Amino acid sequence: MKILNSIHILKPYIKKYRPCAVLALLIVLLIGSAGVPGIAESAGQVQEINSRQLFEMMSKSTHPVIIDISTQGEYNEAHIKGSLRGDVGLIRTQTEQYLNSLGVKKSDIIILVCESGRKSFRTVRILVEASYKNVYNLAGGKIDWARSGYELVAEKSPSK
Protein backbone atom coordinates (compact mmCIF):
# COMPACT_ATOMS: atom_id res chain seq x y z
CA MET A 1 0.00 0.00 0.00
CA LYS A 2 2.78 2.45 0.91
CA ILE A 3 4.66 1.63 -2.32
CA LEU A 4 1.60 2.42 -4.44
CA ASN A 5 1.21 5.77 -2.67
CA SER A 6 4.86 6.58 -3.35
CA ILE A 7 4.48 5.83 -7.07
CA HIS A 8 1.37 7.98 -7.19
CA ILE A 9 3.33 10.89 -5.70
CA LEU A 10 6.12 10.44 -8.29
CA LYS A 11 3.83 10.43 -11.37
CA PRO A 12 4.08 14.18 -12.10
CA TYR A 13 7.88 14.00 -11.94
CA ILE A 14 8.03 10.91 -14.16
CA LYS A 15 5.92 12.69 -16.82
CA LYS A 16 7.97 15.87 -16.59
CA TYR A 17 11.43 14.21 -16.67
CA ARG A 18 10.68 11.18 -18.88
CA PRO A 19 12.99 12.23 -21.77
CA CYS A 20 15.90 12.71 -19.37
CA ALA A 21 15.16 9.42 -17.63
CA VAL A 22 15.12 7.52 -20.92
CA LEU A 23 18.41 9.13 -21.99
CA ALA A 24 20.00 8.37 -18.61
CA LEU A 25 18.85 4.75 -18.83
CA LEU A 26 20.33 4.38 -22.33
CA ILE A 27 23.63 5.83 -21.18
CA VAL A 28 23.77 3.47 -18.20
CA LEU A 29 22.98 0.49 -20.43
CA LEU A 30 25.63 1.43 -22.99
CA ILE A 31 28.34 2.12 -20.44
CA GLY A 32 27.38 -0.86 -18.32
CA SER A 33 27.70 -3.34 -21.20
CA ALA A 34 30.96 -1.93 -22.56
CA GLY A 35 33.21 -4.32 -20.67
CA VAL A 36 31.05 -7.44 -20.71
CA PRO A 37 32.41 -10.11 -23.08
CA GLY A 38 30.04 -11.30 -25.77
CA ILE A 39 27.42 -8.55 -25.37
CA ALA A 40 27.82 -6.93 -28.78
CA GLU A 41 30.33 -8.35 -31.21
CA SER A 42 29.57 -5.70 -33.82
CA ALA A 43 30.65 -3.02 -31.38
CA GLY A 44 34.07 -4.62 -31.01
CA GLN A 45 33.38 -6.59 -27.85
CA VAL A 46 35.74 -9.31 -26.69
CA GLN A 47 34.84 -12.93 -26.10
CA GLU A 48 37.11 -14.80 -23.73
CA ILE A 49 37.87 -18.43 -23.03
CA ASN A 50 39.83 -19.89 -20.15
CA SER A 51 42.77 -22.28 -20.26
CA ARG A 52 40.65 -25.38 -19.69
CA GLN A 53 38.31 -24.46 -22.54
CA LEU A 54 41.24 -23.91 -24.90
CA PHE A 55 42.84 -27.20 -23.89
CA GLU A 56 39.55 -29.02 -24.54
CA MET A 57 39.26 -27.34 -27.96
CA MET A 58 42.77 -28.43 -28.82
CA SER A 59 42.07 -32.00 -27.63
CA LYS A 60 38.98 -32.38 -29.81
CA SER A 61 38.56 -32.15 -33.54
CA THR A 62 38.06 -28.40 -33.18
CA HIS A 63 41.44 -27.02 -34.14
CA PRO A 64 41.59 -23.34 -33.31
CA VAL A 65 44.27 -21.12 -34.78
CA ILE A 66 46.28 -19.87 -31.81
CA ILE A 67 48.13 -16.62 -32.43
CA ASP A 68 50.65 -15.59 -29.78
CA ILE A 69 51.24 -11.84 -29.93
CA SER A 70 53.95 -11.80 -27.27
CA THR A 71 57.29 -10.27 -28.17
CA GLN A 72 59.63 -12.49 -30.17
CA GLY A 73 61.75 -13.06 -27.05
CA GLU A 74 58.74 -14.02 -24.92
CA TYR A 75 57.50 -16.33 -27.68
CA ASN A 76 60.91 -18.02 -27.99
CA GLU A 77 61.05 -18.47 -24.22
CA ALA A 78 57.58 -20.01 -23.84
CA HIS A 79 54.51 -20.50 -26.03
CA ILE A 80 51.59 -22.88 -26.44
CA LYS A 81 52.57 -25.76 -28.70
CA GLY A 82 51.27 -25.21 -32.22
CA SER A 83 50.72 -21.48 -31.81
CA LEU A 84 51.73 -19.01 -34.49
CA ARG A 85 53.83 -15.97 -33.64
CA GLY A 86 51.80 -12.86 -34.51
CA ASP A 87 52.97 -9.29 -34.97
CA VAL A 88 50.62 -6.82 -33.24
CA GLY A 89 51.76 -3.92 -35.43
CA LEU A 90 50.89 -5.79 -38.62
CA ILE A 91 47.60 -6.98 -37.15
CA ARG A 92 46.72 -3.33 -36.42
CA THR A 93 47.78 -1.88 -39.78
CA GLN A 94 47.21 -4.70 -42.28
CA THR A 95 44.79 -7.00 -40.48
CA GLU A 96 43.34 -9.11 -43.27
CA GLN A 97 46.45 -9.14 -45.47
CA TYR A 98 48.69 -10.14 -42.57
CA LEU A 99 46.38 -12.88 -41.26
CA ASN A 100 46.04 -14.25 -44.81
CA SER A 101 49.85 -14.47 -44.94
CA LEU A 102 49.70 -16.62 -41.80
CA GLY A 103 47.08 -18.86 -43.46
CA VAL A 104 44.26 -17.63 -41.22
CA LYS A 105 40.76 -17.36 -42.69
CA LYS A 106 37.86 -15.26 -41.38
CA SER A 107 35.93 -18.49 -40.79
CA ASP A 108 38.63 -19.98 -38.52
CA ILE A 109 38.30 -20.11 -34.76
CA ILE A 110 41.04 -17.74 -33.65
CA ILE A 111 42.48 -17.57 -30.14
CA LEU A 112 44.75 -14.64 -29.34
CA VAL A 113 47.31 -15.12 -26.59
CA CYS A 114 49.94 -13.01 -24.86
CA GLU A 115 51.72 -13.19 -21.51
CA SER A 116 48.89 -11.91 -19.28
CA GLY A 117 45.91 -11.65 -21.63
CA ARG A 118 45.80 -7.84 -21.62
CA LYS A 119 47.43 -7.09 -24.97
CA SER A 120 45.57 -9.94 -26.68
CA PHE A 121 42.29 -8.67 -25.18
CA ARG A 122 42.78 -5.33 -26.95
CA THR A 123 43.89 -7.03 -30.17
CA VAL A 124 40.75 -9.20 -30.32
CA ARG A 125 38.76 -5.98 -30.80
CA ILE A 126 40.77 -5.18 -33.93
CA LEU A 127 39.89 -8.54 -35.45
CA VAL A 128 36.21 -8.27 -34.51
CA GLU A 129 36.06 -4.81 -36.11
CA ALA A 130 37.63 -6.33 -39.24
CA SER A 131 34.69 -8.81 -39.42
CA TYR A 132 36.40 -11.86 -37.94
CA LYS A 133 33.59 -13.68 -36.12
CA ASN A 134 35.13 -16.52 -34.09
CA VAL A 135 37.83 -14.62 -32.21
CA TYR A 136 38.60 -15.19 -28.54
CA ASN A 137 41.07 -13.94 -25.97
CA LEU A 138 42.75 -16.44 -23.68
CA ALA A 139 41.85 -14.96 -20.29
CA GLY A 140 44.93 -14.69 -18.12
CA GLY A 141 47.22 -15.44 -21.06
CA LYS A 142 50.15 -17.81 -20.89
CA ILE A 143 50.57 -17.08 -17.18
CA ASP A 144 47.16 -18.63 -16.45
CA TRP A 145 47.80 -21.41 -18.99
CA ALA A 146 50.96 -22.48 -17.10
CA ARG A 147 49.33 -21.92 -13.69
CA SER A 148 46.54 -24.29 -14.77
CA GLY A 149 49.13 -27.01 -15.36
CA TYR A 150 49.28 -26.91 -19.16
CA GLU A 151 52.54 -27.10 -21.04
CA LEU A 152 54.43 -24.25 -22.64
CA VAL A 153 57.24 -25.02 -25.07
CA ALA A 154 60.36 -23.04 -25.94
CA GLU A 155 61.92 -22.42 -29.33
CA LYS A 156 65.10 -24.39 -29.74
CA SER A 157 68.13 -22.18 -30.08
CA PRO A 158 70.06 -22.70 -33.30
CA SER A 159 73.28 -24.65 -32.78
CA LYS A 160 76.49 -22.71 -33.15
C-alpha atoms as a PDB file:
ATOM      1  CA  MET A   1       0.000   0.000   0.000  1.00  0.00           C
ATOM      2  CA  LYS A   2       2.782   2.450   0.912  1.00  0.00           C
ATOM      3  CA  ILE A   3       4.660   1.629  -2.322  1.00  0.00           C
ATOM      4  CA  LEU A   4       1.597   2.424  -4.445  1.00  0.00           C
ATOM      5  CA  ASN A   5       1.205   5.767  -2.669  1.00  0.00           C
ATOM      6  CA  SER A   6       4.860   6.581  -3.348  1.00  0.00           C
ATOM      7  CA  ILE A   7       4.484   5.828  -7.069  1.00  0.00           C
ATOM      8  CA  HIS A   8       1.368   7.980  -7.186  1.00  0.00           C
ATOM      9  CA  ILE A   9       3.333  10.885  -5.701  1.00  0.00           C
ATOM     10  CA  LEU A  10       6.119  10.440  -8.290  1.00  0.00           C
ATOM     11  CA  LYS A  11       3.830  10.426 -11.370  1.00  0.00           C
ATOM     12  CA  PRO A  12       4.079  14.179 -12.097  1.00  0.00           C
ATOM     13  CA  TYR A  13       7.875  14.003 -11.937  1.00  0.00           C
ATOM     14  CA  ILE A  14       8.027  10.911 -14.165  1.00  0.00           C
ATOM     15  CA  LYS A  15       5.921  12.690 -16.817  1.00  0.00           C
ATOM     16  CA  LYS A  16       7.972  15.868 -16.591  1.00  0.00           C
ATOM     17  CA  TYR A  17      11.427  14.210 -16.669  1.00  0.00           C
ATOM     18  CA  ARG A  18      10.677  11.178 -18.881  1.00  0.00           C
ATOM     19  CA  PRO A  19      12.988  12.225 -21.766  1.00  0.00           C
ATOM     20  CA  CYS A  20      15.901  12.706 -19.367  1.00  0.00           C
ATOM     21  CA  ALA A  21      15.164   9.424 -17.626  1.00  0.00           C
ATOM     22  CA  VAL A  22      15.120   7.525 -20.925  1.00  0.00           C
ATOM     23  CA  LEU A  23      18.407   9.129 -21.991  1.00  0.00           C
ATOM     24  CA  ALA A  24      20.001   8.369 -18.614  1.00  0.00           C
ATOM     25  CA  LEU A  25      18.845   4.752 -18.832  1.00  0.00           C
ATOM     26  CA  LEU A  26      20.326   4.381 -22.328  1.00  0.00           C
ATOM     27  CA  ILE A  27      23.632   5.827 -21.181  1.00  0.00           C
ATOM     28  CA  VAL A  28      23.773   3.474 -18.198  1.00  0.00           C
ATOM     29  CA  LEU A  29      22.984   0.491 -20.428  1.00  0.00           C
ATOM     30  CA  LEU A  30      25.632   1.431 -22.993  1.00  0.00           C
ATOM     31  CA  ILE A  31      28.339   2.124 -20.441  1.00  0.00           C
ATOM     32  CA  GLY A  32      27.383  -0.859 -18.318  1.00  0.00           C
ATOM     33  CA  SER A  33      27.699  -3.341 -21.196  1.00  0.00           C
ATOM     34  CA  ALA A  34      30.962  -1.925 -22.565  1.00  0.00           C
ATOM     35  CA  GLY A  35      33.211  -4.317 -20.672  1.00  0.00           C
ATOM     36  CA  VAL A  36      31.046  -7.439 -20.710  1.00  0.00           C
ATOM     37  CA  PRO A  37      32.408 -10.109 -23.085  1.00  0.00           C
ATOM     38  CA  GLY A  38      30.039 -11.299 -25.768  1.00  0.00           C
ATOM     39  CA  ILE A  39      27.422  -8.553 -25.370  1.00  0.00           C
ATOM     40  CA  ALA A  40      27.815  -6.930 -28.778  1.00  0.00           C
ATOM     41  CA  GLU A  41      30.330  -8.351 -31.212  1.00  0.00           C
ATOM     42  CA  SER A  42      29.573  -5.704 -33.820  1.00  0.00           C
ATOM     43  CA  ALA A  43      30.647  -3.024 -31.380  1.00  0.00           C
ATOM     44  CA  GLY A  44      34.071  -4.623 -31.013  1.00  0.00           C
ATOM     45  CA  GLN A  45      33.384  -6.590 -27.855  1.00  0.00           C
ATOM     46  CA  VAL A  46      35.743  -9.309 -26.686  1.00  0.00           C
ATOM     47  CA  GLN A  47      34.837 -12.931 -26.098  1.00  0.00           C
ATOM     48  CA  GLU A  48      37.111 -14.800 -23.733  1.00  0.00           C
ATOM     49  CA  ILE A  49      37.872 -18.433 -23.027  1.00  0.00           C
ATOM     50  CA  ASN A  50      39.827 -19.886 -20.145  1.00  0.00           C
ATOM     51  CA  SER A  51      42.772 -22.278 -20.256  1.00  0.00           C
ATOM     52  CA  ARG A  52      40.653 -25.380 -19.688  1.00  0.00           C
ATOM     53  CA  GLN A  53      38.307 -24.463 -22.543  1.00  0.00           C
ATOM     54  CA  LEU A  54      41.237 -23.914 -24.901  1.00  0.00           C
ATOM     55  CA  PHE A  55      42.839 -27.203 -23.886  1.00  0.00           C
ATOM     56  CA  GLU A  56      39.548 -29.020 -24.544  1.00  0.00           C
ATOM     57  CA  MET A  57      39.256 -27.339 -27.962  1.00  0.00           C
ATOM     58  CA  MET A  58      42.774 -28.431 -28.824  1.00  0.00           C
ATOM     59  CA  SER A  59      42.072 -32.002 -27.634  1.00  0.00           C
ATOM     60  CA  LYS A  60      38.975 -32.376 -29.811  1.00  0.00           C
ATOM     61  CA  SER A  61      38.559 -32.148 -33.538  1.00  0.00           C
ATOM     62  CA  THR A  62      38.062 -28.400 -33.180  1.00  0.00           C
ATOM     63  CA  HIS A  63      41.436 -27.018 -34.139  1.00  0.00           C
ATOM     64  CA  PRO A  64      41.595 -23.337 -33.307  1.00  0.00           C
ATOM     65  CA  VAL A  65      44.268 -21.121 -34.779  1.00  0.00           C
ATOM     66  CA  ILE A  66      46.281 -19.871 -31.808  1.00  0.00           C
ATOM     67  CA  ILE A  67      48.125 -16.624 -32.429  1.00  0.00           C
ATOM     68  CA  ASP A  68      50.647 -15.592 -29.782  1.00  0.00           C
ATOM     69  CA  ILE A  69      51.240 -11.842 -29.933  1.00  0.00           C
ATOM     70  CA  SER A  70      53.951 -11.804 -27.273  1.00  0.00           C
ATOM     71  CA  THR A  71      57.290 -10.268 -28.172  1.00  0.00           C
ATOM     72  CA  GLN A  72      59.632 -12.491 -30.174  1.00  0.00           C
ATOM     73  CA  GLY A  73      61.752 -13.062 -27.054  1.00  0.00           C
ATOM     74  CA  GLU A  74      58.740 -14.021 -24.925  1.00  0.00           C
ATOM     75  CA  TYR A  75      57.504 -16.333 -27.677  1.00  0.00           C
ATOM     76  CA  ASN A  76      60.907 -18.020 -27.994  1.00  0.00           C
ATOM     77  CA  GLU A  77      61.049 -18.467 -24.225  1.00  0.00           C
ATOM     78  CA  ALA A  78      57.576 -20.009 -23.842  1.00  0.00           C
ATOM     79  CA  HIS A  79      54.512 -20.497 -26.026  1.00  0.00           C
ATOM     80  CA  ILE A  80      51.594 -22.875 -26.444  1.00  0.00           C
ATOM     81  CA  LYS A  81      52.572 -25.758 -28.705  1.00  0.00           C
ATOM     82  CA  GLY A  82      51.269 -25.211 -32.219  1.00  0.00           C
ATOM     83  CA  SER A  83      50.716 -21.477 -31.807  1.00  0.00           C
ATOM     84  CA  LEU A  84      51.735 -19.011 -34.489  1.00  0.00           C
ATOM     85  CA  ARG A  85      53.829 -15.965 -33.642  1.00  0.00           C
ATOM     86  CA  GLY A  86      51.805 -12.865 -34.511  1.00  0.00           C
ATOM     87  CA  ASP A  87      52.967  -9.287 -34.968  1.00  0.00           C
ATOM     88  CA  VAL A  88      50.623  -6.817 -33.239  1.00  0.00           C
ATOM     89  CA  GLY A  89      51.763  -3.922 -35.427  1.00  0.00           C
ATOM     90  CA  LEU A  90      50.892  -5.789 -38.619  1.00  0.00           C
ATOM     91  CA  ILE A  91      47.598  -6.977 -37.146  1.00  0.00           C
ATOM     92  CA  ARG A  92      46.717  -3.326 -36.423  1.00  0.00           C
ATOM     93  CA  THR A  93      47.776  -1.880 -39.778  1.00  0.00           C
ATOM     94  CA  GLN A  94      47.207  -4.701 -42.280  1.00  0.00           C
ATOM     95  CA  THR A  95      44.793  -7.003 -40.484  1.00  0.00           C
ATOM     96  CA  GLU A  96      43.342  -9.109 -43.273  1.00  0.00           C
ATOM     97  CA  GLN A  97      46.454  -9.143 -45.473  1.00  0.00           C
ATOM     98  CA  TYR A  98      48.692 -10.139 -42.567  1.00  0.00           C
ATOM     99  CA  LEU A  99      46.384 -12.883 -41.260  1.00  0.00           C
ATOM    100  CA  ASN A 100      46.044 -14.249 -44.811  1.00  0.00           C
ATOM    101  CA  SER A 101      49.855 -14.469 -44.940  1.00  0.00           C
ATOM    102  CA  LEU A 102      49.697 -16.625 -41.798  1.00  0.00           C
ATOM    103  CA  GLY A 103      47.085 -18.864 -43.457  1.00  0.00           C
ATOM    104  CA  VAL A 104      44.264 -17.627 -41.219  1.00  0.00           C
ATOM    105  CA  LYS A 105      40.763 -17.357 -42.690  1.00  0.00           C
ATOM    106  CA  LYS A 106      37.861 -15.262 -41.382  1.00  0.00           C
ATOM    107  CA  SER A 107      35.927 -18.488 -40.795  1.00  0.00           C
ATOM    108  CA  ASP A 108      38.628 -19.976 -38.522  1.00  0.00           C
ATOM    109  CA  ILE A 109      38.302 -20.113 -34.758  1.00  0.00           C
ATOM    110  CA  ILE A 110      41.045 -17.740 -33.651  1.00  0.00           C
ATOM    111  CA  ILE A 111      42.483 -17.574 -30.144  1.00  0.00           C
ATOM    112  CA  LEU A 112      44.748 -14.636 -29.336  1.00  0.00           C
ATOM    113  CA  VAL A 113      47.314 -15.122 -26.595  1.00  0.00           C
ATOM    114  CA  CYS A 114      49.939 -13.014 -24.856  1.00  0.00           C
ATOM    115  CA  GLU A 115      51.723 -13.190 -21.508  1.00  0.00           C
ATOM    116  CA  SER A 116      48.891 -11.907 -19.277  1.00  0.00           C
ATOM    117  CA  GLY A 117      45.912 -11.650 -21.634  1.00  0.00           C
ATOM    118  CA  ARG A 118      45.795  -7.840 -21.623  1.00  0.00           C
ATOM    119  CA  LYS A 119      47.432  -7.093 -24.971  1.00  0.00           C
ATOM    120  CA  SER A 120      45.570  -9.941 -26.682  1.00  0.00           C
ATOM    121  CA  PHE A 121      42.288  -8.667 -25.181  1.00  0.00           C
ATOM    122  CA  ARG A 122      42.784  -5.326 -26.948  1.00  0.00           C
ATOM    123  CA  THR A 123      43.892  -7.032 -30.167  1.00  0.00           C
ATOM    124  CA  VAL A 124      40.748  -9.196 -30.324  1.00  0.00           C
ATOM    125  CA  ARG A 125      38.758  -5.978 -30.796  1.00  0.00           C
ATOM    126  CA  ILE A 126      40.769  -5.177 -33.926  1.00  0.00           C
ATOM    127  CA  LEU A 127      39.886  -8.542 -35.452  1.00  0.00           C
ATOM    128  CA  VAL A 128      36.215  -8.267 -34.512  1.00  0.00           C
ATOM    129  CA  GLU A 129      36.061  -4.810 -36.105  1.00  0.00           C
ATOM    130  CA  ALA A 130      37.632  -6.335 -39.239  1.00  0.00           C
ATOM    131  CA  SER A 131      34.689  -8.814 -39.416  1.00  0.00           C
ATOM    132  CA  TYR A 132      36.397 -11.862 -37.941  1.00  0.00           C
ATOM    133  CA  LYS A 133      33.589 -13.678 -36.118  1.00  0.00           C
ATOM    134  CA  ASN A 134      35.134 -16.516 -34.089  1.00  0.00           C
ATOM    135  CA  VAL A 135      37.830 -14.616 -32.208  1.00  0.00           C
ATOM    136  CA  TYR A 136      38.596 -15.191 -28.538  1.00  0.00           C
ATOM    137  CA  ASN A 137      41.068 -13.936 -25.972  1.00  0.00           C
ATOM    138  CA  LEU A 138      42.755 -16.437 -23.681  1.00  0.00           C
ATOM    139  CA  ALA A 139      41.847 -14.957 -20.292  1.00  0.00           C
ATOM    140  CA  GLY A 140      44.933 -14.687 -18.116  1.00  0.00           C
ATOM    141  CA  GLY A 141      47.223 -15.439 -21.064  1.00  0.00           C
ATOM    142  CA  LYS A 142      50.151 -17.807 -20.887  1.00  0.00           C
ATOM    143  CA  ILE A 143      50.569 -17.082 -17.182  1.00  0.00           C
ATOM    144  CA  ASP A 144      47.156 -18.630 -16.452  1.00  0.00           C
ATOM    145  CA  TRP A 145      47.801 -21.414 -18.985  1.00  0.00           C
ATOM    146  CA  ALA A 146      50.957 -22.481 -17.100  1.00  0.00           C
ATOM    147  CA  ARG A 147      49.335 -21.917 -13.690  1.00  0.00           C
ATOM    148  CA  SER A 148      46.544 -24.286 -14.772  1.00  0.00           C
ATOM    149  CA  GLY A 149      49.134 -27.010 -15.362  1.00  0.00           C
ATOM    150  CA  TYR A 150      49.278 -26.908 -19.157  1.00  0.00           C
ATOM    151  CA  GLU A 151      52.543 -27.102 -21.042  1.00  0.00           C
ATOM    152  CA  LEU A 152      54.434 -24.255 -22.643  1.00  0.00           C
ATOM    153  CA  VAL A 153      57.242 -25.018 -25.068  1.00  0.00           C
ATOM    154  CA  ALA A 154      60.358 -23.042 -25.945  1.00  0.00           C
ATOM    155  CA  GLU A 155      61.918 -22.423 -29.330  1.00  0.00           C
ATOM    156  CA  LYS A 156      65.098 -24.393 -29.743  1.00  0.00           C
ATOM    157  CA  SER A 157      68.135 -22.178 -30.076  1.00  0.00           C
ATOM    158  CA  PRO A 158      70.057 -22.700 -33.304  1.00  0.00           C
ATOM    159  CA  SER A 159      73.282 -24.654 -32.780  1.00  0.00           C
ATOM    160  CA  LYS A 160      76.494 -22.706 -33.148  1.00  0.00           C
END
